[in-house]
Amino acid sequence: MADGPDALTGIVAVSRETAERLAAFVALLKKWQPAENLIAPSTIDTLWRRHVADSAQLTALFPGSTWLDLGSGGGFPGVVVALLGAKHVHLVESNRRKCAFLRAAIRETVAPATVHEARVEEVLASWSEPVDRISARALAPLADLLALAEPATKMGVPAAFMKGVDYQREVDDARSGWEFDLTVHPSRTEKGAAILDIRNARRRANQGKTPQ
């Protein structure tokens, strides 16, 4: 089966104009890929399904939101979410060359997004802009994500973290140091994977203390 915009069928409806903007983004990524290795080379032939459609699930679940996307890398999910109707997406990425790609993608597709070139910890340490939700895909284990996102989650911002088939192990590991309300949305593009809808994340009171 050919990989292309039809991969979005059943996940989110797109207009012809939006499909063209997504196609322009994909074409730009393929142009930059040989030099920058923005995605795993083994996924190039299934880019629409593995990356675009996968990212589009966030739009289907949480439409019209303002996002804070951590570790945006090659633009997944952040740029895709921006092109699919988000109010605005803040893309946080520390790699200079990936940031150059993200800025080029924003210019070419006129995506409602802003690139923040710095480590996540540095950006969130002084974060004050209102956002509806935090996102991350293939960035870090859940416990580490919760620590990175803590400045925003302390303000009541929920998170949508995209995880693979071993997500339950990550959830169990994270609960040793964190309390949080969790809704699991099964992935519609990868069997066994999930999108973790996390609210009210807070460190456990005894975290870091030696048991008596």
N, C-alpha and C. Protein backbone atom coordinates (compact mmCIF):
# COMPACT_ATOMS: atom_id res chain seq x y z
N MET A 1 0.85 -1.20 0.00
CA MET A 1 0.00 0.00 0.00
C MET A 1 0.88 1.25 0.00
N ALA A 2 0.63 2.15 -0.93
CA ALA A 2 1.44 3.36 -1.05
C ALA A 2 1.27 4.23 0.19
N ASP A 3 2.38 4.85 0.59
CA ASP A 3 2.35 5.73 1.76
C ASP A 3 2.08 7.16 1.28
N GLY A 4 1.07 7.80 1.85
CA GLY A 4 0.74 9.15 1.44
C GLY A 4 -0.36 9.73 2.31
N PRO A 5 -0.96 10.84 1.88
CA PRO A 5 -2.00 11.51 2.68
C PRO A 5 -3.17 10.62 3.07
N ASP A 6 -3.42 9.54 2.31
CA ASP A 6 -4.52 8.65 2.66
C ASP A 6 -4.30 7.99 4.01
N ALA A 7 -3.08 8.05 4.52
CA ALA A 7 -2.79 7.48 5.84
C ALA A 7 -3.57 8.20 6.94
N LEU A 8 -4.04 9.41 6.64
CA LEU A 8 -4.80 10.19 7.62
C LEU A 8 -6.27 9.79 7.67
N THR A 9 -6.72 9.03 6.71
CA THR A 9 -8.12 8.61 6.65
C THR A 9 -8.51 7.85 7.91
N GLY A 10 -9.60 8.27 8.50
CA GLY A 10 -10.06 7.62 9.72
C GLY A 10 -9.45 8.19 10.98
N ILE A 11 -8.48 9.08 10.84
CA ILE A 11 -7.86 9.71 12.01
C ILE A 11 -8.29 11.16 12.14
N VAL A 12 -8.14 11.92 11.06
CA VAL A 12 -8.56 13.32 11.06
C VAL A 12 -8.88 13.73 9.63
N ALA A 13 -9.92 14.52 9.47
CA ALA A 13 -10.30 15.02 8.15
C ALA A 13 -9.44 16.23 7.80
N VAL A 14 -8.96 16.28 6.56
CA VAL A 14 -8.14 17.41 6.13
C VAL A 14 -8.67 17.97 4.82
N SER A 15 -8.57 19.26 4.69
CA SER A 15 -8.96 19.91 3.44
C SER A 15 -7.85 19.71 2.41
N ARG A 16 -8.13 20.03 1.15
CA ARG A 16 -7.11 19.90 0.12
C ARG A 16 -5.94 20.84 0.42
N GLU A 17 -6.25 22.04 0.89
CA GLU A 17 -5.19 23.00 1.20
C GLU A 17 -4.29 22.46 2.32
N THR A 18 -4.90 21.90 3.36
CA THR A 18 -4.11 21.37 4.47
C THR A 18 -3.28 20.18 4.01
N ALA A 19 -3.85 19.33 3.18
CA ALA A 19 -3.11 18.19 2.64
C ALA A 19 -1.90 18.66 1.84
N GLU A 20 -2.05 19.75 1.11
CA GLU A 20 -0.95 20.29 0.32
C GLU A 20 0.14 20.84 1.23
N ARG A 21 -0.25 21.47 2.33
CA ARG A 21 0.74 22.01 3.27
C ARG A 21 1.49 20.87 3.97
N LEU A 22 0.76 19.81 4.32
CA LEU A 22 1.42 18.65 4.92
C LEU A 22 2.38 18.01 3.91
N ALA A 23 1.96 17.93 2.66
CA ALA A 23 2.82 17.36 1.62
C ALA A 23 4.08 18.20 1.43
N ALA A 24 3.94 19.52 1.53
CA ALA A 24 5.10 20.41 1.42
C ALA A 24 6.05 20.17 2.59
N PHE A 25 5.50 19.96 3.77
CA PHE A 25 6.33 19.67 4.95
C PHE A 25 7.07 18.35 4.77
N VAL A 26 6.36 17.34 4.30
CA VAL A 26 6.99 16.03 4.09
C VAL A 26 8.09 16.13 3.03
N ALA A 27 7.84 16.87 1.95
CA ALA A 27 8.85 17.03 0.90
C ALA A 27 10.09 17.73 1.44
N LEU A 28 9.88 18.74 2.27
CA LEU A 28 11.02 19.46 2.86
C LEU A 28 11.80 18.54 3.79
N LEU A 29 11.11 17.74 4.57
CA LEU A 29 11.79 16.81 5.48
C LEU A 29 12.65 15.82 4.68
N LYS A 30 12.10 15.30 3.60
CA LYS A 30 12.86 14.36 2.77
C LYS A 30 14.09 15.04 2.15
N LYS A 31 13.97 16.32 1.85
CA LYS A 31 15.10 17.06 1.29
C LYS A 31 16.21 17.23 2.31
N TRP A 32 15.82 17.49 3.56
CA TRP A 32 16.80 17.71 4.62
C TRP A 32 17.32 16.40 5.22
N GLN A 33 16.56 15.34 5.09
CA GLN A 33 16.86 14.08 5.77
C GLN A 33 18.27 13.54 5.53
N PRO A 34 18.79 13.50 4.30
CA PRO A 34 20.12 12.92 4.09
C PRO A 34 21.21 13.60 4.92
N ALA A 35 21.09 14.90 5.12
CA ALA A 35 22.13 15.63 5.86
C ALA A 35 21.85 15.67 7.36
N GLU A 36 20.58 15.71 7.74
CA GLU A 36 20.25 15.95 9.14
C GLU A 36 19.71 14.74 9.90
N ASN A 37 19.35 13.66 9.19
CA ASN A 37 18.83 12.46 9.86
C ASN A 37 17.70 12.82 10.84
N LEU A 38 16.67 13.46 10.33
CA LEU A 38 15.57 13.97 11.16
C LEU A 38 14.68 12.86 11.70
N ILE A 39 14.56 11.77 10.94
CA ILE A 39 13.80 10.61 11.39
C ILE A 39 14.63 9.36 11.10
N ALA A 40 14.24 8.24 11.69
CA ALA A 40 14.96 6.99 11.44
C ALA A 40 14.89 6.66 9.95
N PRO A 41 16.03 6.41 9.31
CA PRO A 41 16.03 6.12 7.87
C PRO A 41 15.10 4.97 7.49
N SER A 42 14.92 4.03 8.39
CA SER A 42 14.07 2.87 8.09
C SER A 42 12.59 3.23 7.98
N THR A 43 12.23 4.46 8.40
CA THR A 43 10.81 4.85 8.36
C THR A 43 10.48 5.79 7.21
N ILE A 44 11.45 6.09 6.37
CA ILE A 44 11.22 7.02 5.26
C ILE A 44 10.08 6.55 4.36
N ASP A 45 10.06 5.28 4.03
CA ASP A 45 9.05 4.76 3.10
C ASP A 45 7.65 4.72 3.70
N THR A 46 7.55 4.85 5.01
CA THR A 46 6.23 4.86 5.67
C THR A 46 6.06 6.13 6.48
N LEU A 47 6.66 7.20 5.98
CA LEU A 47 6.69 8.47 6.72
C LEU A 47 5.29 8.98 7.07
N TRP A 48 4.38 8.91 6.11
CA TRP A 48 3.03 9.42 6.36
C TRP A 48 2.35 8.64 7.48
N ARG A 49 2.44 7.34 7.44
CA ARG A 49 1.77 6.52 8.45
C ARG A 49 2.49 6.56 9.79
N ARG A 50 3.82 6.38 9.76
CA ARG A 50 4.59 6.26 10.99
C ARG A 50 4.73 7.58 11.73
N HIS A 51 4.75 8.69 11.00
CA HIS A 51 5.03 9.96 11.65
C HIS A 51 3.89 10.98 11.52
N VAL A 52 3.41 11.20 10.30
CA VAL A 52 2.36 12.22 10.10
C VAL A 52 1.04 11.76 10.72
N ALA A 53 0.56 10.58 10.33
CA ALA A 53 -0.71 10.10 10.86
C ALA A 53 -0.63 9.86 12.36
N ASP A 54 0.51 9.36 12.81
CA ASP A 54 0.69 9.14 14.25
C ASP A 54 0.56 10.45 15.01
N SER A 55 1.21 11.50 14.53
CA SER A 55 1.13 12.80 15.17
C SER A 55 -0.27 13.40 15.10
N ALA A 56 -0.95 13.13 13.98
CA ALA A 56 -2.30 13.69 13.78
C ALA A 56 -3.30 13.22 14.82
N GLN A 57 -3.00 12.13 15.47
CA GLN A 57 -3.92 11.63 16.50
C GLN A 57 -4.14 12.67 17.61
N LEU A 58 -3.12 13.47 17.89
CA LEU A 58 -3.26 14.48 18.94
C LEU A 58 -4.32 15.51 18.57
N THR A 59 -4.37 15.87 17.29
CA THR A 59 -5.37 16.82 16.82
C THR A 59 -6.77 16.24 16.96
N ALA A 60 -6.90 14.95 16.66
CA ALA A 60 -8.21 14.30 16.77
C ALA A 60 -8.68 14.25 18.22
N LEU A 61 -7.75 14.04 19.14
CA LEU A 61 -8.09 13.93 20.55
C LEU A 61 -8.29 15.29 21.22
N PHE A 62 -7.45 16.25 20.84
CA PHE A 62 -7.45 17.56 21.51
C PHE A 62 -7.44 18.69 20.48
N PRO A 63 -8.53 18.89 19.76
CA PRO A 63 -8.56 19.88 18.67
C PRO A 63 -8.48 21.32 19.17
N GLY A 64 -7.88 22.16 18.32
CA GLY A 64 -7.89 23.60 18.55
C GLY A 64 -7.10 24.08 19.74
N SER A 65 -6.13 23.31 20.19
CA SER A 65 -5.39 23.67 21.39
C SER A 65 -4.14 24.51 21.07
N THR A 66 -3.61 25.15 22.11
CA THR A 66 -2.29 25.77 22.06
C THR A 66 -1.34 24.80 22.75
N TRP A 67 -0.25 24.44 22.07
CA TRP A 67 0.62 23.37 22.53
C TRP A 67 2.01 23.85 22.90
N LEU A 68 2.62 23.12 23.84
CA LEU A 68 4.03 23.26 24.17
C LEU A 68 4.65 21.90 23.87
N ASP A 69 5.37 21.80 22.75
CA ASP A 69 5.90 20.53 22.27
C ASP A 69 7.36 20.40 22.66
N LEU A 70 7.67 19.39 23.46
CA LEU A 70 9.02 19.23 24.00
C LEU A 70 9.84 18.30 23.11
N GLY A 71 11.05 18.72 22.77
CA GLY A 71 11.92 17.91 21.93
C GLY A 71 11.36 17.70 20.54
N SER A 72 11.08 18.79 19.84
CA SER A 72 10.33 18.73 18.59
C SER A 72 11.06 18.03 17.45
N GLY A 73 12.40 18.01 17.48
CA GLY A 73 13.17 17.25 16.49
C GLY A 73 12.81 17.56 15.05
N GLY A 74 12.31 16.54 14.34
CA GLY A 74 11.93 16.70 12.94
C GLY A 74 10.53 17.24 12.73
N GLY A 75 9.88 17.69 13.80
CA GLY A 75 8.56 18.30 13.65
C GLY A 75 7.39 17.41 14.02
N PHE A 76 7.70 16.29 14.69
CA PHE A 76 6.64 15.37 15.10
C PHE A 76 6.58 15.29 16.62
N PRO A 77 5.44 15.58 17.20
CA PRO A 77 4.18 15.89 16.53
C PRO A 77 3.95 17.37 16.22
N GLY A 78 4.82 18.26 16.71
CA GLY A 78 4.53 19.68 16.74
C GLY A 78 4.11 20.34 15.45
N VAL A 79 4.89 20.17 14.37
CA VAL A 79 4.55 20.84 13.11
C VAL A 79 3.27 20.28 12.53
N VAL A 80 3.10 18.96 12.61
CA VAL A 80 1.87 18.35 12.10
C VAL A 80 0.65 18.88 12.84
N VAL A 81 0.74 18.96 14.15
CA VAL A 81 -0.37 19.48 14.95
C VAL A 81 -0.66 20.94 14.58
N ALA A 82 0.40 21.71 14.34
CA ALA A 82 0.21 23.11 13.94
C ALA A 82 -0.53 23.21 12.62
N LEU A 83 -0.21 22.32 11.68
CA LEU A 83 -0.83 22.37 10.37
C LEU A 83 -2.27 21.84 10.37
N LEU A 84 -2.62 21.10 11.42
CA LEU A 84 -3.95 20.50 11.47
C LEU A 84 -4.92 21.25 12.38
N GLY A 85 -4.68 22.54 12.57
CA GLY A 85 -5.69 23.35 13.23
C GLY A 85 -5.39 23.81 14.63
N ALA A 86 -4.18 23.60 15.13
CA ALA A 86 -3.85 24.12 16.45
C ALA A 86 -3.87 25.65 16.42
N LYS A 87 -4.17 26.24 17.57
CA LYS A 87 -4.11 27.70 17.64
C LYS A 87 -2.67 28.17 17.48
N HIS A 88 -1.76 27.51 18.20
CA HIS A 88 -0.34 27.82 18.10
C HIS A 88 0.43 26.67 18.75
N VAL A 89 1.63 26.42 18.25
CA VAL A 89 2.48 25.38 18.83
C VAL A 89 3.85 25.97 19.12
N HIS A 90 4.30 25.82 20.36
CA HIS A 90 5.64 26.23 20.75
C HIS A 90 6.54 25.00 20.64
N LEU A 91 7.52 25.06 19.75
CA LEU A 91 8.41 23.94 19.49
C LEU A 91 9.71 24.14 20.25
N VAL A 92 9.99 23.24 21.19
CA VAL A 92 11.20 23.34 22.00
C VAL A 92 12.21 22.31 21.52
N GLU A 93 13.37 22.78 21.08
CA GLU A 93 14.39 21.90 20.54
C GLU A 93 15.77 22.50 20.79
N SER A 94 16.71 21.68 21.23
CA SER A 94 18.05 22.19 21.57
C SER A 94 19.04 22.06 20.43
N ASN A 95 18.78 21.16 19.47
CA ASN A 95 19.71 20.96 18.36
C ASN A 95 19.60 22.10 17.35
N ARG A 96 20.71 22.78 17.12
CA ARG A 96 20.68 23.98 16.28
C ARG A 96 20.22 23.68 14.86
N ARG A 97 20.71 22.59 14.27
CA ARG A 97 20.37 22.28 12.89
C ARG A 97 18.92 21.82 12.76
N LYS A 98 18.43 21.11 13.75
CA LYS A 98 17.01 20.73 13.73
C LYS A 98 16.14 21.97 13.88
N CYS A 99 16.60 22.93 14.67
CA CYS A 99 15.85 24.18 14.79
C CYS A 99 15.81 24.92 13.46
N ALA A 100 16.92 24.86 12.71
CA ALA A 100 16.94 25.49 11.39
C ALA A 100 15.92 24.83 10.48
N PHE A 101 15.83 23.50 10.56
CA PHE A 101 14.81 22.80 9.76
C PHE A 101 13.41 23.21 10.19
N LEU A 102 13.15 23.26 11.49
CA LEU A 102 11.82 23.61 11.97
C LEU A 102 11.42 25.01 11.51
N ARG A 103 12.36 25.94 11.55
CA ARG A 103 12.05 27.31 11.10
C ARG A 103 11.76 27.32 9.60
N ALA A 104 12.51 26.53 8.84
CA ALA A 104 12.26 26.45 7.40
C ALA A 104 10.88 25.85 7.13
N ALA A 105 10.51 24.83 7.90
CA ALA A 105 9.20 24.20 7.74
C ALA A 105 8.07 25.17 8.06
N ILE A 106 8.26 25.95 9.11
CA ILE A 106 7.25 26.94 9.49
C ILE A 106 7.07 27.98 8.38
N ARG A 107 8.19 28.46 7.83
CA ARG A 107 8.12 29.45 6.75
C ARG A 107 7.42 28.89 5.53
N GLU A 108 7.80 27.68 5.14
CA GLU A 108 7.29 27.11 3.89
C GLU A 108 5.82 26.74 3.98
N THR A 109 5.37 26.31 5.14
CA THR A 109 3.98 25.85 5.28
C THR A 109 3.08 26.87 5.97
N VAL A 110 3.68 27.98 6.43
CA VAL A 110 2.94 29.02 7.16
C VAL A 110 2.23 28.39 8.37
N ALA A 111 2.93 27.56 9.08
CA ALA A 111 2.37 26.91 10.27
C ALA A 111 2.36 27.88 11.44
N PRO A 112 1.31 27.86 12.26
CA PRO A 112 1.25 28.73 13.44
C PRO A 112 2.12 28.17 14.57
N ALA A 113 3.41 28.40 14.47
CA ALA A 113 4.34 27.81 15.43
C ALA A 113 5.52 28.73 15.66
N THR A 114 6.18 28.53 16.80
CA THR A 114 7.37 29.28 17.18
C THR A 114 8.43 28.31 17.66
N VAL A 115 9.67 28.51 17.25
CA VAL A 115 10.76 27.64 17.68
C VAL A 115 11.50 28.28 18.86
N HIS A 116 11.71 27.49 19.89
CA HIS A 116 12.48 27.91 21.06
C HIS A 116 13.75 27.06 21.08
N GLU A 117 14.88 27.66 20.71
CA GLU A 117 16.12 26.92 20.58
C GLU A 117 16.89 26.90 21.90
N ALA A 118 16.66 25.86 22.68
CA ALA A 118 17.32 25.69 23.98
C ALA A 118 16.90 24.35 24.56
N ARG A 119 17.58 23.94 25.60
CA ARG A 119 17.17 22.73 26.29
C ARG A 119 15.81 22.93 26.95
N VAL A 120 15.05 21.85 27.07
CA VAL A 120 13.72 21.94 27.66
C VAL A 120 13.78 22.56 29.04
N GLU A 121 14.77 22.16 29.85
CA GLU A 121 14.88 22.68 31.21
C GLU A 121 15.05 24.19 31.22
N GLU A 122 15.84 24.70 30.28
CA GLU A 122 16.09 26.14 30.21
C GLU A 122 14.84 26.89 29.79
N VAL A 123 14.11 26.36 28.81
CA VAL A 123 12.90 27.03 28.33
C VAL A 123 11.82 27.06 29.40
N LEU A 124 11.60 25.92 30.04
CA LEU A 124 10.51 25.84 31.01
C LEU A 124 10.82 26.53 32.33
N ALA A 125 12.09 26.77 32.62
CA ALA A 125 12.46 27.42 33.87
C ALA A 125 11.84 28.80 34.01
N SER A 126 11.64 29.47 32.86
CA SER A 126 11.06 30.81 32.90
C SER A 126 9.78 30.90 32.07
N TRP A 127 9.13 29.76 31.84
CA TRP A 127 7.95 29.75 30.99
C TRP A 127 6.77 30.45 31.65
N SER A 128 6.09 31.32 30.90
CA SER A 128 4.94 32.03 31.46
C SER A 128 3.76 32.12 30.50
N GLU A 129 3.96 31.76 29.23
CA GLU A 129 2.87 31.87 28.26
C GLU A 129 1.82 30.79 28.50
N PRO A 130 0.54 31.15 28.40
CA PRO A 130 -0.51 30.14 28.61
C PRO A 130 -0.56 29.13 27.47
N VAL A 131 -0.65 27.86 27.81
CA VAL A 131 -0.81 26.79 26.83
C VAL A 131 -1.88 25.84 27.35
N ASP A 132 -2.49 25.12 26.42
CA ASP A 132 -3.54 24.19 26.79
C ASP A 132 -3.02 22.80 27.11
N ARG A 133 -1.88 22.46 26.50
CA ARG A 133 -1.40 21.09 26.66
C ARG A 133 0.08 20.98 26.27
N ILE A 134 0.76 20.03 26.93
CA ILE A 134 2.15 19.72 26.64
C ILE A 134 2.20 18.43 25.84
N SER A 135 3.11 18.35 24.87
CA SER A 135 3.25 17.12 24.10
C SER A 135 4.72 16.72 24.02
N ALA A 136 4.94 15.43 23.78
CA ALA A 136 6.28 14.91 23.54
C ALA A 136 6.14 13.55 22.87
N ARG A 137 7.06 13.28 21.97
CA ARG A 137 7.04 12.01 21.23
C ARG A 137 8.48 11.51 21.10
N ALA A 138 8.71 10.30 21.61
CA ALA A 138 10.04 9.67 21.50
C ALA A 138 11.14 10.55 22.08
N LEU A 139 10.87 11.17 23.22
CA LEU A 139 11.85 12.07 23.82
C LEU A 139 12.58 11.44 25.01
N ALA A 140 11.83 10.86 25.95
CA ALA A 140 12.43 10.34 27.18
C ALA A 140 11.43 9.43 27.88
N PRO A 141 11.90 8.62 28.82
CA PRO A 141 10.97 7.81 29.63
C PRO A 141 9.98 8.71 30.36
N LEU A 142 8.82 8.16 30.70
CA LEU A 142 7.76 8.96 31.28
C LEU A 142 8.19 9.68 32.55
N ALA A 143 8.92 9.01 33.44
CA ALA A 143 9.34 9.66 34.68
C ALA A 143 10.18 10.90 34.38
N ASP A 144 11.06 10.80 33.39
CA ASP A 144 11.89 11.95 33.01
C ASP A 144 11.05 13.04 32.36
N LEU A 145 10.06 12.66 31.56
CA LEU A 145 9.18 13.64 30.95
C LEU A 145 8.42 14.44 32.00
N LEU A 146 7.95 13.74 33.03
CA LEU A 146 7.22 14.43 34.09
C LEU A 146 8.11 15.43 34.81
N ALA A 147 9.37 15.08 35.00
CA ALA A 147 10.31 16.00 35.63
C ALA A 147 10.58 17.21 34.73
N LEU A 148 10.76 16.96 33.43
CA LEU A 148 11.01 18.06 32.50
C LEU A 148 9.82 19.01 32.43
N ALA A 149 8.62 18.43 32.42
CA ALA A 149 7.40 19.23 32.24
C ALA A 149 6.88 19.84 33.54
N GLU A 150 7.51 19.54 34.65
CA GLU A 150 6.98 19.96 35.96
C GLU A 150 6.67 21.45 36.08
N PRO A 151 7.52 22.36 35.57
CA PRO A 151 7.17 23.78 35.69
C PRO A 151 5.81 24.11 35.07
N ALA A 152 5.45 23.42 33.99
CA ALA A 152 4.16 23.67 33.34
C ALA A 152 3.03 22.90 34.02
N THR A 153 3.28 21.64 34.38
CA THR A 153 2.22 20.86 35.01
C THR A 153 1.86 21.42 36.38
N LYS A 154 2.81 22.07 37.04
CA LYS A 154 2.51 22.73 38.32
C LYS A 154 1.47 23.83 38.15
N MET A 155 1.40 24.38 36.93
CA MET A 155 0.43 25.43 36.63
C MET A 155 -0.90 24.84 36.16
N GLY A 156 -1.00 23.51 36.20
CA GLY A 156 -2.25 22.86 35.85
C GLY A 156 -2.37 22.46 34.40
N VAL A 157 -1.27 22.54 33.64
CA VAL A 157 -1.32 22.18 32.23
C VAL A 157 -1.25 20.66 32.08
N PRO A 158 -2.21 20.03 31.41
CA PRO A 158 -2.17 18.58 31.19
C PRO A 158 -1.18 18.23 30.08
N ALA A 159 -0.82 16.95 30.02
CA ALA A 159 0.15 16.49 29.03
C ALA A 159 -0.43 15.40 28.16
N ALA A 160 0.09 15.30 26.95
CA ALA A 160 -0.24 14.21 26.04
C ALA A 160 1.08 13.65 25.54
N PHE A 161 1.50 12.54 26.14
CA PHE A 161 2.79 11.94 25.80
C PHE A 161 2.55 10.69 24.96
N MET A 162 3.20 10.64 23.79
CA MET A 162 3.03 9.53 22.86
C MET A 162 4.05 8.45 23.20
N LYS A 163 3.55 7.23 23.44
CA LYS A 163 4.41 6.15 23.91
C LYS A 163 4.21 4.88 23.09
N GLY A 164 5.24 4.04 23.07
CA GLY A 164 5.21 2.79 22.33
C GLY A 164 4.57 1.67 23.11
N VAL A 165 4.81 0.45 22.66
CA VAL A 165 4.11 -0.71 23.20
C VAL A 165 4.48 -1.02 24.65
N ASP A 166 5.60 -0.47 25.14
CA ASP A 166 6.00 -0.72 26.52
C ASP A 166 5.55 0.38 27.47
N TYR A 167 4.50 1.11 27.07
CA TYR A 167 4.08 2.27 27.86
C TYR A 167 3.70 1.90 29.29
N GLN A 168 3.11 0.72 29.50
CA GLN A 168 2.66 0.35 30.84
C GLN A 168 3.84 0.24 31.80
N ARG A 169 4.96 -0.28 31.32
CA ARG A 169 6.15 -0.34 32.17
C ARG A 169 6.60 1.05 32.56
N GLU A 170 6.56 1.99 31.62
CA GLU A 170 6.95 3.36 31.92
C GLU A 170 6.00 3.99 32.93
N VAL A 171 4.72 3.70 32.79
CA VAL A 171 3.74 4.23 33.75
C VAL A 171 4.03 3.68 35.14
N ASP A 172 4.26 2.38 35.23
CA ASP A 172 4.54 1.76 36.53
C ASP A 172 5.81 2.34 37.15
N ASP A 173 6.85 2.53 36.34
CA ASP A 173 8.09 3.10 36.85
C ASP A 173 7.87 4.53 37.33
N ALA A 174 7.10 5.29 36.58
CA ALA A 174 6.88 6.69 36.94
C ALA A 174 6.09 6.83 38.23
N ARG A 175 5.18 5.92 38.47
CA ARG A 175 4.34 6.02 39.67
C ARG A 175 5.12 5.84 40.97
N SER A 176 6.34 5.33 40.89
CA SER A 176 7.14 5.21 42.10
C SER A 176 7.56 6.58 42.63
N GLY A 177 7.62 7.56 41.76
CA GLY A 177 8.01 8.90 42.19
C GLY A 177 6.98 9.98 41.95
N TRP A 178 5.91 9.62 41.23
CA TRP A 178 4.92 10.63 40.84
C TRP A 178 3.50 10.11 41.06
N GLU A 179 2.62 11.05 41.35
CA GLU A 179 1.19 10.77 41.36
C GLU A 179 0.59 11.54 40.19
N PHE A 180 -0.36 10.93 39.49
CA PHE A 180 -1.00 11.62 38.37
C PHE A 180 -2.26 10.88 37.96
N ASP A 181 -3.18 11.64 37.38
CA ASP A 181 -4.40 11.07 36.82
C ASP A 181 -4.10 10.71 35.36
N LEU A 182 -4.49 9.50 34.97
CA LEU A 182 -4.11 9.01 33.66
C LEU A 182 -5.29 8.47 32.88
N THR A 183 -5.41 8.91 31.62
CA THR A 183 -6.32 8.30 30.66
C THR A 183 -5.47 7.80 29.51
N VAL A 184 -5.63 6.53 29.17
CA VAL A 184 -4.86 5.92 28.09
C VAL A 184 -5.69 5.88 26.81
N HIS A 185 -5.19 6.53 25.77
CA HIS A 185 -5.85 6.50 24.46
C HIS A 185 -5.05 5.56 23.56
N PRO A 186 -5.60 4.40 23.21
CA PRO A 186 -4.88 3.47 22.35
C PRO A 186 -4.52 4.11 21.01
N SER A 187 -3.31 3.86 20.55
CA SER A 187 -2.87 4.39 19.27
C SER A 187 -3.68 3.78 18.13
N ARG A 188 -3.97 4.60 17.14
CA ARG A 188 -4.69 4.12 15.96
C ARG A 188 -3.75 3.86 14.81
N THR A 189 -2.43 4.02 15.05
CA THR A 189 -1.46 3.79 13.98
C THR A 189 -0.45 2.70 14.34
N GLU A 190 -0.34 2.37 15.61
CA GLU A 190 0.61 1.33 16.03
C GLU A 190 -0.04 0.46 17.09
N LYS A 191 -0.23 -0.79 16.78
CA LYS A 191 -0.87 -1.72 17.72
C LYS A 191 -0.07 -1.81 19.02
N GLY A 192 -0.77 -1.61 20.14
CA GLY A 192 -0.14 -1.71 21.44
C GLY A 192 0.43 -0.41 21.98
N ALA A 193 0.61 0.60 21.12
CA ALA A 193 1.12 1.89 21.55
C ALA A 193 -0.04 2.73 22.11
N ALA A 194 0.29 3.89 22.68
CA ALA A 194 -0.76 4.69 23.32
C ALA A 194 -0.35 6.16 23.43
N ILE A 195 -1.36 6.98 23.62
CA ILE A 195 -1.17 8.39 23.97
C ILE A 195 -1.62 8.52 25.42
N LEU A 196 -0.71 8.97 26.28
CA LEU A 196 -0.99 9.09 27.70
C LEU A 196 -1.47 10.50 28.02
N ASP A 197 -2.73 10.61 28.39
CA ASP A 197 -3.36 11.88 28.77
C ASP A 197 -3.19 12.01 30.27
N ILE A 198 -2.26 12.88 30.68
CA ILE A 198 -1.87 12.99 32.09
C ILE A 198 -2.28 14.34 32.66
N ARG A 199 -2.94 14.28 33.81
CA ARG A 199 -3.37 15.49 34.51
C ARG A 199 -2.96 15.41 35.98
N ASN A 200 -2.85 16.59 36.60
CA ASN A 200 -2.58 16.68 38.04
C ASN A 200 -1.31 15.93 38.45
N ALA A 201 -0.27 16.04 37.64
CA ALA A 201 0.99 15.38 37.96
C ALA A 201 1.68 16.10 39.13
N ARG A 202 2.14 15.33 40.09
CA ARG A 202 2.82 15.90 41.26
C ARG A 202 3.77 14.85 41.83
N ARG A 203 4.88 15.33 42.35
CA ARG A 203 5.84 14.43 42.96
C ARG A 203 5.27 13.82 44.23
N ARG A 204 5.59 12.57 44.47
CA ARG A 204 5.18 11.95 45.72
C ARG A 204 5.90 12.62 46.88
N ALA A 205 5.22 12.73 48.00
CA ALA A 205 5.77 13.46 49.14
C ALA A 205 7.08 12.88 49.64
N ASN A 206 7.26 11.55 49.50
CA ASN A 206 8.46 10.91 50.02
C ASN A 206 9.54 10.73 48.98
N GLN A 207 9.36 11.33 47.78
CA GLN A 207 10.35 11.14 46.73
C GLN A 207 11.69 11.74 47.16
N GLY A 208 12.70 10.93 47.01
CA GLY A 208 14.04 11.41 47.35
C GLY A 208 14.40 11.24 48.80
N LYS A 209 13.46 10.78 49.63
CA LYS A 209 13.73 10.59 51.04
C LYS A 209 14.09 9.13 51.33
N THR A 210 14.92 8.94 52.29
CA THR A 210 15.32 7.58 52.67
C THR A 210 14.27 6.98 53.57
N PRO A 211 13.73 5.80 53.25
CA PRO A 211 12.70 5.18 54.09
C PRO A 211 13.21 4.94 55.50
N GLN A 212 12.35 5.16 56.48
CA GLN A 212 12.70 4.96 57.88
C GLN A 212 12.54 3.52 58.28
